Amino acid sequence: MGKSHQANRLRIASRRVKVAELTLRRMSQWDILQQLGMEASQQSVISKDVAWIAEQWKQSTIRDWDAAKGKELAALDLVEREFWAAWERSKVEK
């Protein structure tokens, strides 16, 4: 990967951070374009950035949801094992 390619990737990542922040502030794509000092002809760049950011947020949410499900299933397994152990202990005559 050449230096110009890396510089371009860094520039895109930096712009997307700004676009994400402004999107969270409920700014329109047109206002974001103006805030970043971009030309009207570059509006599709902002639109693509917003779509990319939304997909990243979605993927992050899915991973977080999967992690939460895994944690809850592990907790349920533990509770079930403890339940069965307690059940078996309760059947022993005292």
PDB file of N, CA and C in Angstrom:
ATOM      1  N   MET A   1       0.839  -1.166   0.000  1.00  0.00           N
ATOM      2  CA  MET A   1       0.000   0.000   0.000  1.00  0.00           C
ATOM      3  C   MET A   1       0.891   1.238   0.000  1.00  0.00           C
ATOM      4  N   GLY A   2       0.676   2.117  -0.955  1.00  0.00           N
ATOM      5  CA  GLY A   2       1.493   3.313  -1.048  1.00  0.00           C
ATOM      6  C   GLY A   2       1.086   4.375  -0.050  1.00  0.00           C
ATOM      7  N   LYS A   3       1.985   5.346   0.100  1.00  0.00           N
ATOM      8  CA  LYS A   3       1.707   6.432   1.053  1.00  0.00           C
ATOM      9  C   LYS A   3       0.477   7.235   0.658  1.00  0.00           C
ATOM     10  N   SER A   4       0.270   7.439  -0.646  1.00  0.00           N
ATOM     11  CA  SER A   4      -0.902   8.221  -1.072  1.00  0.00           C
ATOM     12  C   SER A   4      -2.196   7.459  -0.791  1.00  0.00           C
ATOM     13  N   HIS A   5      -2.150   6.125  -0.921  1.00  0.00           N
ATOM     14  CA  HIS A   5      -3.330   5.308  -0.620  1.00  0.00           C
ATOM     15  C   HIS A   5      -3.641   5.373   0.881  1.00  0.00           C
ATOM     16  N   GLN A   6      -2.611   5.273   1.701  1.00  0.00           N
ATOM     17  CA  GLN A   6      -2.798   5.360   3.158  1.00  0.00           C
ATOM     18  C   GLN A   6      -3.305   6.737   3.556  1.00  0.00           C
ATOM     19  N   ALA A   7      -2.763   7.780   2.926  1.00  0.00           N
ATOM     20  CA  ALA A   7      -3.206   9.141   3.227  1.00  0.00           C
ATOM     21  C   ALA A   7      -4.668   9.322   2.856  1.00  0.00           C
ATOM     22  N   ASN A   8      -5.074   8.733   1.723  1.00  0.00           N
ATOM     23  CA  ASN A   8      -6.469   8.825   1.293  1.00  0.00           C
ATOM     24  C   ASN A   8      -7.385   8.107   2.269  1.00  0.00           C
ATOM     25  N   ARG A   9      -6.970   6.910   2.724  1.00  0.00           N
ATOM     26  CA  ARG A   9      -7.777   6.163   3.697  1.00  0.00           C
ATOM     27  C   ARG A   9      -7.914   6.941   5.002  1.00  0.00           C
ATOM     28  N   LEU A  10      -6.840   7.582   5.424  1.00  0.00           N
ATOM     29  CA  LEU A  10      -6.863   8.382   6.646  1.00  0.00           C
ATOM     30  C   LEU A  10      -7.790   9.586   6.489  1.00  0.00           C
ATOM     31  N   ARG A  11      -7.746  10.206   5.314  1.00  0.00           N
ATOM     32  CA  ARG A  11      -8.617  11.354   5.042  1.00  0.00           C
ATOM     33  C   ARG A  11     -10.082  10.937   5.073  1.00  0.00           C
ATOM     34  N   ILE A  12     -10.392   9.795   4.476  1.00  0.00           N
ATOM     35  CA  ILE A  12     -11.773   9.287   4.461  1.00  0.00           C
ATOM     36  C   ILE A  12     -12.227   8.955   5.881  1.00  0.00           C
ATOM     37  N   ALA A  13     -11.379   8.281   6.636  1.00  0.00           N
ATOM     38  CA  ALA A  13     -11.734   7.918   8.015  1.00  0.00           C
ATOM     39  C   ALA A  13     -11.974   9.165   8.853  1.00  0.00           C
ATOM     40  N   SER A  14     -11.135  10.165   8.689  1.00  0.00           N
ATOM     41  CA  SER A  14     -11.283  11.415   9.435  1.00  0.00           C
ATOM     42  C   SER A  14     -12.602  12.105   9.077  1.00  0.00           C
ATOM     43  N   ARG A  15     -12.921  12.138   7.776  1.00  0.00           N
ATOM     44  CA  ARG A  15     -14.177  12.755   7.332  1.00  0.00           C
ATOM     45  C   ARG A  15     -15.365  11.993   7.906  1.00  0.00           C
ATOM     46  N   ARG A  16     -15.289  10.661   7.898  1.00  0.00           N
ATOM     47  CA  ARG A  16     -16.407   9.865   8.402  1.00  0.00           C
ATOM     48  C   ARG A  16     -16.631  10.065   9.895  1.00  0.00           C
ATOM     49  N   VAL A  17     -15.575  10.282  10.648  1.00  0.00           N
ATOM     50  CA  VAL A  17     -15.732  10.583  12.073  1.00  0.00           C
ATOM     51  C   VAL A  17     -16.528  11.883  12.226  1.00  0.00           C
ATOM     52  N   LYS A  18     -16.178  12.873  11.422  1.00  0.00           N
ATOM     53  CA  LYS A  18     -16.891  14.159  11.484  1.00  0.00           C
ATOM     54  C   LYS A  18     -18.340  14.001  11.032  1.00  0.00           C
ATOM     55  N   VAL A  19     -18.546  13.238   9.950  1.00  0.00           N
ATOM     56  CA  VAL A  19     -19.903  13.015   9.445  1.00  0.00           C
ATOM     57  C   VAL A  19     -20.743  12.290  10.493  1.00  0.00           C
ATOM     58  N   ALA A  20     -20.166  11.302  11.153  1.00  0.00           N
ATOM     59  CA  ALA A  20     -20.894  10.565  12.190  1.00  0.00           C
ATOM     60  C   ALA A  20     -21.291  11.497  13.328  1.00  0.00           C
ATOM     61  N   GLU A  21     -20.359  12.334  13.765  1.00  0.00           N
ATOM     62  CA  GLU A  21     -20.651  13.268  14.861  1.00  0.00           C
ATOM     63  C   GLU A  21     -21.768  14.228  14.470  1.00  0.00           C
ATOM     64  N   LEU A  22     -21.701  14.766  13.269  1.00  0.00           N
ATOM     65  CA  LEU A  22     -22.722  15.712  12.819  1.00  0.00           C
ATOM     66  C   LEU A  22     -24.060  15.013  12.586  1.00  0.00           C
ATOM     67  N   THR A  23     -24.021  13.764  12.156  1.00  0.00           N
ATOM     68  CA  THR A  23     -25.253  12.991  11.997  1.00  0.00           C
ATOM     69  C   THR A  23     -25.923  12.791  13.345  1.00  0.00           C
ATOM     70  N   LEU A  24     -25.114  12.491  14.362  1.00  0.00           N
ATOM     71  CA  LEU A  24     -25.661  12.317  15.711  1.00  0.00           C
ATOM     72  C   LEU A  24     -26.258  13.614  16.253  1.00  0.00           C
ATOM     73  N   ARG A  25     -25.786  14.728  15.731  1.00  0.00           N
ATOM     74  CA  ARG A  25     -26.345  16.032  16.116  1.00  0.00           C
ATOM     75  C   ARG A  25     -27.579  16.379  15.297  1.00  0.00           C
ATOM     76  N   ARG A  26     -28.044  15.389  14.504  1.00  0.00           N
ATOM     77  CA  ARG A  26     -29.268  15.510  13.700  1.00  0.00           C
ATOM     78  C   ARG A  26     -29.134  16.540  12.574  1.00  0.00           C
ATOM     79  N   MET A  27     -27.916  16.765  12.110  1.00  0.00           N
ATOM     80  CA  MET A  27     -27.730  17.676  10.984  1.00  0.00           C
ATOM     81  C   MET A  27     -28.117  16.956   9.696  1.00  0.00           C
ATOM     82  N   SER A  28     -28.675  17.694   8.767  1.00  0.00           N
ATOM     83  CA  SER A  28     -29.013  17.119   7.466  1.00  0.00           C
ATOM     84  C   SER A  28     -27.728  16.894   6.668  1.00  0.00           C
ATOM     85  N   GLN A  29     -27.828  16.059   5.660  1.00  0.00           N
ATOM     86  CA  GLN A  29     -26.654  15.809   4.829  1.00  0.00           C
ATOM     87  C   GLN A  29     -26.189  17.095   4.143  1.00  0.00           C
ATOM     88  N   TRP A  30     -27.125  17.917   3.762  1.00  0.00           N
ATOM     89  CA  TRP A  30     -26.782  19.197   3.133  1.00  0.00           C
ATOM     90  C   TRP A  30     -26.010  20.082   4.119  1.00  0.00           C
ATOM     91  N   ASP A  31     -26.478  20.137   5.364  1.00  0.00           N
ATOM     92  CA  ASP A  31     -25.790  20.941   6.375  1.00  0.00           C
ATOM     93  C   ASP A  31     -24.402  20.373   6.689  1.00  0.00           C
ATOM     94  N   ILE A  32     -24.295  19.047   6.690  1.00  0.00           N
ATOM     95  CA  ILE A  32     -22.997  18.406   6.917  1.00  0.00           C
ATOM     96  C   ILE A  32     -22.038  18.783   5.800  1.00  0.00           C
ATOM     97  N   LEU A  33     -22.523  18.739   4.577  1.00  0.00           N
ATOM     98  CA  LEU A  33     -21.725  19.100   3.414  1.00  0.00           C
ATOM     99  C   LEU A  33     -21.172  20.517   3.572  1.00  0.00           C
ATOM    100  N   GLN A  34     -22.028  21.426   3.973  1.00  0.00           N
ATOM    101  CA  GLN A  34     -21.605  22.813   4.160  1.00  0.00           C
ATOM    102  C   GLN A  34     -20.655  22.954   5.345  1.00  0.00           C
ATOM    103  N   GLN A  35     -20.946  22.256   6.421  1.00  0.00           N
ATOM    104  CA  GLN A  35     -20.108  22.315   7.622  1.00  0.00           C
ATOM    105  C   GLN A  35     -18.681  21.864   7.313  1.00  0.00           C
ATOM    106  N   LEU A  36     -18.555  20.868   6.441  1.00  0.00           N
ATOM    107  CA  LEU A  36     -17.246  20.340   6.087  1.00  0.00           C
ATOM    108  C   LEU A  36     -16.582  21.111   4.948  1.00  0.00           C
ATOM    109  N   GLY A  37     -17.273  22.141   4.458  1.00  0.00           N
ATOM    110  CA  GLY A  37     -16.701  22.972   3.404  1.00  0.00           C
ATOM    111  C   GLY A  37     -16.587  22.268   2.060  1.00  0.00           C
ATOM    112  N   MET A  38     -17.501  21.351   1.812  1.00  0.00           N
ATOM    113  CA  MET A  38     -17.468  20.586   0.566  1.00  0.00           C
ATOM    114  C   MET A  38     -18.408  21.223  -0.458  1.00  0.00           C
ATOM    115  N   GLU A  39     -18.162  20.923  -1.727  1.00  0.00           N
ATOM    116  CA  GLU A  39     -18.978  21.445  -2.826  1.00  0.00           C
ATOM    117  C   GLU A  39     -20.289  20.671  -2.931  1.00  0.00           C
ATOM    118  N   ALA A  40     -21.302  21.310  -3.472  1.00  0.00           N
ATOM    119  CA  ALA A  40     -22.609  20.671  -3.654  1.00  0.00           C
ATOM    120  C   ALA A  40     -22.493  19.417  -4.506  1.00  0.00           C
ATOM    121  N   SER A  41     -21.553  19.406  -5.424  1.00  0.00           N
ATOM    122  CA  SER A  41     -21.373  18.243  -6.297  1.00  0.00           C
ATOM    123  C   SER A  41     -20.857  17.023  -5.534  1.00  0.00           C
ATOM    124  N   GLN A  42     -20.415  17.222  -4.299  1.00  0.00           N
ATOM    125  CA  GLN A  42     -19.898  16.131  -3.480  1.00  0.00           C
ATOM    126  C   GLN A  42     -20.940  15.567  -2.520  1.00  0.00           C
ATOM    127  N   GLN A  43     -22.200  15.932  -2.702  1.00  0.00           N
ATOM    128  CA  GLN A  43     -23.239  15.474  -1.788  1.00  0.00           C
ATOM    129  C   GLN A  43     -23.344  13.950  -1.759  1.00  0.00           C
ATOM    130  N   SER A  44     -23.053  13.299  -2.886  1.00  0.00           N
ATOM    131  CA  SER A  44     -23.119  11.838  -2.908  1.00  0.00           C
ATOM    132  C   SER A  44     -22.051  11.231  -1.997  1.00  0.00           C
ATOM    133  N   VAL A  45     -20.943  11.926  -1.799  1.00  0.00           N
ATOM    134  CA  VAL A  45     -19.892  11.446  -0.890  1.00  0.00           C
ATOM    135  C   VAL A  45     -20.449  11.389   0.530  1.00  0.00           C
ATOM    136  N   ILE A  46     -21.149  12.445   0.930  1.00  0.00           N
ATOM    137  CA  ILE A  46     -21.739  12.479   2.274  1.00  0.00           C
ATOM    138  C   ILE A  46     -22.807  11.404   2.402  1.00  0.00           C
ATOM    139  N   SER A  47     -23.609  11.246   1.371  1.00  0.00           N
ATOM    140  CA  SER A  47     -24.661  10.228   1.390  1.00  0.00           C
ATOM    141  C   SER A  47     -24.056   8.834   1.557  1.00  0.00           C
ATOM    142  N   LYS A  48     -22.986   8.550   0.826  1.00  0.00           N
ATOM    143  CA  LYS A  48     -22.316   7.255   0.950  1.00  0.00           C
ATOM    144  C   LYS A  48     -21.681   7.097   2.328  1.00  0.00           C
ATOM    145  N   ASP A  49     -21.116   8.184   2.865  1.00  0.00           N
ATOM    146  CA  ASP A  49     -20.537   8.124   4.215  1.00  0.00           C
ATOM    147  C   ASP A  49     -21.610   7.799   5.244  1.00  0.00           C
ATOM    148  N   VAL A  50     -22.759   8.450   5.141  1.00  0.00           N
ATOM    149  CA  VAL A  50     -23.851   8.216   6.087  1.00  0.00           C
ATOM    150  C   VAL A  50     -24.312   6.756   5.998  1.00  0.00           C
ATOM    151  N   ALA A  51     -24.417   6.223   4.787  1.00  0.00           N
ATOM    152  CA  ALA A  51     -24.819   4.823   4.616  1.00  0.00           C
ATOM    153  C   ALA A  51     -23.768   3.892   5.214  1.00  0.00           C
ATOM    154  N   TRP A  52     -22.487   4.186   4.988  1.00  0.00           N
ATOM    155  CA  TRP A  52     -21.404   3.358   5.533  1.00  0.00           C
ATOM    156  C   TRP A  52     -21.423   3.398   7.055  1.00  0.00           C
ATOM    157  N   ILE A  53     -21.611   4.582   7.618  1.00  0.00           N
ATOM    158  CA  ILE A  53     -21.651   4.746   9.074  1.00  0.00           C
ATOM    159  C   ILE A  53     -22.830   3.974   9.662  1.00  0.00           C
ATOM    160  N   ALA A  54     -23.988   4.080   9.031  1.00  0.00           N
ATOM    161  CA  ALA A  54     -25.173   3.362   9.514  1.00  0.00           C
ATOM    162  C   ALA A  54     -24.927   1.860   9.522  1.00  0.00           C
ATOM    163  N   GLU A  55     -24.256   1.356   8.494  1.00  0.00           N
ATOM    164  CA  GLU A  55     -23.953  -0.080   8.427  1.00  0.00           C
ATOM    165  C   GLU A  55     -22.971  -0.472   9.533  1.00  0.00           C
ATOM    166  N   GLN A  56     -21.991   0.377   9.800  1.00  0.00           N
ATOM    167  CA  GLN A  56     -21.040   0.096  10.873  1.00  0.00           C
ATOM    168  C   GLN A  56     -21.753   0.055  12.221  1.00  0.00           C
ATOM    169  N   TRP A  57     -22.650   1.003  12.444  1.00  0.00           N
ATOM    170  CA  TRP A  57     -23.420   1.027  13.690  1.00  0.00           C
ATOM    171  C   TRP A  57     -24.274  -0.233  13.798  1.00  0.00           C
ATOM    172  N   LYS A  58     -24.878  -0.630  12.697  1.00  0.00           N
ATOM    173  CA  LYS A  58     -25.712  -1.836  12.687  1.00  0.00           C
ATOM    174  C   LYS A  58     -24.880  -3.064  13.025  1.00  0.00           C
ATOM    175  N   GLN A  59     -23.733  -3.210  12.387  1.00  0.00           N
ATOM    176  CA  GLN A  59     -22.867  -4.355  12.642  1.00  0.00           C
ATOM    177  C   GLN A  59     -22.390  -4.368  14.087  1.00  0.00           C
ATOM    178  N   SER A  60     -22.072  -3.208  14.618  1.00  0.00           N
ATOM    179  CA  SER A  60     -21.635  -3.102  16.007  1.00  0.00           C
ATOM    180  C   SER A  60     -22.745  -3.541  16.953  1.00  0.00           C
ATOM    181  N   THR A  61     -23.961  -3.139  16.650  1.00  0.00           N
ATOM    182  CA  THR A  61     -25.117  -3.507  17.470  1.00  0.00           C
ATOM    183  C   THR A  61     -25.341  -5.010  17.423  1.00  0.00           C
ATOM    184  N   ILE A  62     -25.196  -5.600  16.243  1.00  0.00           N
ATOM    185  CA  ILE A  62     -25.387  -7.047  16.107  1.00  0.00           C
ATOM    186  C   ILE A  62     -24.353  -7.784  16.942  1.00  0.00           C
ATOM    187  N   ARG A  63     -23.086  -7.360  16.879  1.00  0.00           N
ATOM    188  CA  ARG A  63     -22.037  -8.002  17.670  1.00  0.00           C
ATOM    189  C   ARG A  63     -22.323  -7.847  19.156  1.00  0.00           C
ATOM    190  N   ASP A  64     -22.735  -6.646  19.560  1.00  0.00           N
ATOM    191  CA  ASP A  64     -23.050  -6.416  20.967  1.00  0.00           C
ATOM    192  C   ASP A  64     -24.232  -7.286  21.400  1.00  0.00           C
ATOM    193  N   TRP A  65     -25.241  -7.414  20.541  1.00  0.00           N
ATOM    194  CA  TRP A  65     -26.413  -8.228  20.850  1.00  0.00           C
ATOM    195  C   TRP A  65     -26.008  -9.693  20.987  1.00  0.00           C
ATOM    196  N   ASP A  66     -25.164 -10.174  20.067  1.00  0.00           N
ATOM    197  CA  ASP A  66     -24.705 -11.559  20.142  1.00  0.00           C
ATOM    198  C   ASP A  66     -23.921 -11.803  21.429  1.00  0.00           C
ATOM    199  N   ALA A  67     -23.086 -10.855  21.812  1.00  0.00           N
ATOM    200  CA  ALA A  67     -22.310 -10.998  23.048  1.00  0.00           C
ATOM    201  C   ALA A  67     -23.249 -11.030  24.254  1.00  0.00           C
ATOM    202  N   ALA A  68     -24.260 -10.166  24.250  1.00  0.00           N
ATOM    203  CA  ALA A  68     -25.219 -10.129  25.353  1.00  0.00           C
ATOM    204  C   ALA A  68     -26.005 -11.434  25.431  1.00  0.00           C
ATOM    205  N   LYS A  69     -26.401 -11.966  24.275  1.00  0.00           N
ATOM    206  CA  LYS A  69     -27.130 -13.245  24.266  1.00  0.00           C
ATOM    207  C   LYS A  69     -26.251 -14.357  24.817  1.00  0.00           C
ATOM    208  N   GLY A  70     -24.998 -14.373  24.403  1.00  0.00           N
ATOM    209  CA  GLY A  70     -24.076 -15.396  24.888  1.00  0.00           C
ATOM    210  C   GLY A  70     -23.906 -15.347  26.390  1.00  0.00           C
ATOM    211  N   LYS A  71     -23.786 -14.139  26.911  1.00  0.00           N
ATOM    212  CA  LYS A  71     -23.629 -13.957  28.359  1.00  0.00           C
ATOM    213  C   LYS A  71     -24.876 -14.441  29.089  1.00  0.00           C
ATOM    214  N   GLU A  72     -26.047 -14.086  28.593  1.00  0.00           N
ATOM    215  CA  GLU A  72     -27.293 -14.493  29.238  1.00  0.00           C
ATOM    216  C   GLU A  72     -27.488 -16.007  29.162  1.00  0.00           C
ATOM    217  N   LEU A  73     -27.140 -16.615  28.034  1.00  0.00           N
ATOM    218  CA  LEU A  73     -27.260 -18.067  27.921  1.00  0.00           C
ATOM    219  C   LEU A  73     -26.318 -18.776  28.891  1.00  0.00           C
ATOM    220  N   ALA A  74     -25.121 -18.240  29.061  1.00  0.00           N
ATOM    221  CA  ALA A  74     -24.181 -18.831  30.021  1.00  0.00           C
ATOM    222  C   ALA A  74     -24.736 -18.714  31.439  1.00  0.00           C
ATOM    223  N   ALA A  75     -25.342 -17.573  31.754  1.00  0.00           N
ATOM    224  CA  ALA A  75     -25.933 -17.380  33.079  1.00  0.00           C
ATOM    225  C   ALA A  75     -27.084 -18.361  33.297  1.00  0.00           C
ATOM    226  N   LEU A  76     -27.910 -18.550  32.275  1.00  0.00           N
ATOM    227  CA  LEU A  76     -29.016 -19.504  32.386  1.00  0.00           C
ATOM    228  C   LEU A  76     -28.505 -20.924  32.578  1.00  0.00           C
ATOM    229  N   ASP A  77     -27.427 -21.279  31.884  1.00  0.00           N
ATOM    230  CA  ASP A  77     -26.832 -22.611  32.073  1.00  0.00           C
ATOM    231  C   ASP A  77     -26.395 -22.810  33.515  1.00  0.00           C
ATOM    232  N   LEU A  78     -25.763 -21.793  34.079  1.00  0.00           N
ATOM    233  CA  LEU A  78     -25.316 -21.871  35.465  1.00  0.00           C
ATOM    234  C   LEU A  78     -26.500 -22.043  36.414  1.00  0.00           C
ATOM    235  N   VAL A  79     -27.538 -21.245  36.221  1.00  0.00           N
ATOM    236  CA  VAL A  79     -28.725 -21.340  37.073  1.00  0.00           C
ATOM    237  C   VAL A  79     -29.356 -22.714  36.949  1.00  0.00           C
ATOM    238  N   GLU A  80     -29.428 -23.239  35.737  1.00  0.00           N
ATOM    239  CA  GLU A  80     -30.018 -24.559  35.537  1.00  0.00           C
ATOM    240  C   GLU A  80     -29.200 -25.643  36.241  1.00  0.00           C
ATOM    241  N   ARG A  81     -27.887 -25.578  36.160  1.00  0.00           N
ATOM    242  CA  ARG A  81     -27.043 -26.570  36.848  1.00  0.00           C
ATOM    243  C   ARG A  81     -27.249 -26.487  38.364  1.00  0.00           C
ATOM    244  N   GLU A  82     -27.299 -25.255  38.872  1.00  0.00           N
ATOM    245  CA  GLU A  82     -27.507 -25.081  40.316  1.00  0.00           C
ATOM    246  C   GLU A  82     -28.890 -25.570  40.727  1.00  0.00           C
ATOM    247  N   PHE A  83     -29.881 -25.332  39.891  1.00  0.00           N
ATOM    248  CA  PHE A  83     -31.236 -25.807  40.176  1.00  0.00           C
ATOM    249  C   PHE A  83     -31.260 -27.325  40.302  1.00  0.00           C
ATOM    250  N   TRP A  84     -30.669 -28.003  39.313  1.00  0.00           N
ATOM    251  CA  TRP A  84     -30.696 -29.462  39.334  1.00  0.00           C
ATOM    252  C   TRP A  84     -29.911 -30.024  40.517  1.00  0.00           C
ATOM    253  N   ALA A  85     -28.797 -29.388  40.866  1.00  0.00           N
ATOM    254  CA  ALA A  85     -28.021 -29.840  42.028  1.00  0.00           C
ATOM    255  C   ALA A  85     -28.846 -29.663  43.308  1.00  0.00           C
ATOM    256  N   ALA A  86     -29.532 -28.524  43.414  1.00  0.00           N
ATOM    257  CA  ALA A  86     -30.372 -28.282  44.592  1.00  0.00           C
ATOM    258  C   ALA A  86     -31.537 -29.265  44.622  1.00  0.00           C
ATOM    259  N   TRP A  87     -32.103 -29.571  43.487  1.00  0.00           N
ATOM    260  CA  TRP A  87     -33.198 -30.530  43.404  1.00  0.00           C
ATOM    261  C   TRP A  87     -32.746 -31.910  43.891  1.00  0.00           C
ATOM    262  N   GLU A  88     -31.584 -32.323  43.449  1.00  0.00           N
ATOM    263  CA  GLU A  88     -31.073 -33.619  43.865  1.00  0.00           C
ATOM    264  C   GLU A  88     -30.792 -33.622  45.378  1.00  0.00           C
ATOM    265  N   ARG A  89     -30.251 -32.535  45.906  1.00  0.00           N
ATOM    266  CA  ARG A  89     -29.995 -32.456  47.350  1.00  0.00           C
ATOM    267  C   ARG A  89     -31.296 -32.486  48.127  1.00  0.00           C
ATOM    268  N   SER A  90     -32.355 -31.907  47.580  1.00  0.00           N
ATOM    269  CA  SER A  90     -33.642 -31.864  48.304  1.00  0.00           C
ATOM    270  C   SER A  90     -34.282 -33.240  48.399  1.00  0.00           C
ATOM    271  N   LYS A  91     -33.920 -34.165  47.571  1.00  0.00           N
ATOM    272  CA  LYS A  91     -34.507 -35.490  47.582  1.00  0.00           C
ATOM    273  C   LYS A  91     -33.842 -36.413  48.620  1.00  0.00           C
ATOM    274  N   VAL A  92     -32.724 -36.011  49.164  1.00  0.00           N
ATOM    275  CA  VAL A  92     -32.019 -36.820  50.140  1.00  0.00           C
ATOM    276  C   VAL A  92     -32.755 -36.724  51.480  1.00  0.00           C
ATOM    277  N   GLU A  93     -33.014 -37.869  52.110  1.00  0.00           N
ATOM    278  CA  GLU A  93     -33.714 -37.871  53.389  1.00  0.00           C
ATOM    279  C   GLU A  93     -32.820 -37.266  54.469  1.00  0.00           C
ATOM    280  N   LYS A  94     -33.447 -36.556  55.356  1.00  0.00           N
ATOM    281  CA  LYS A  94     -32.695 -35.908  56.410  1.00  0.00           C
ATOM    282  C   LYS A  94     -32.849 -36.647  57.703  1.00  0.00           C
TER     283      LYS A  94
END
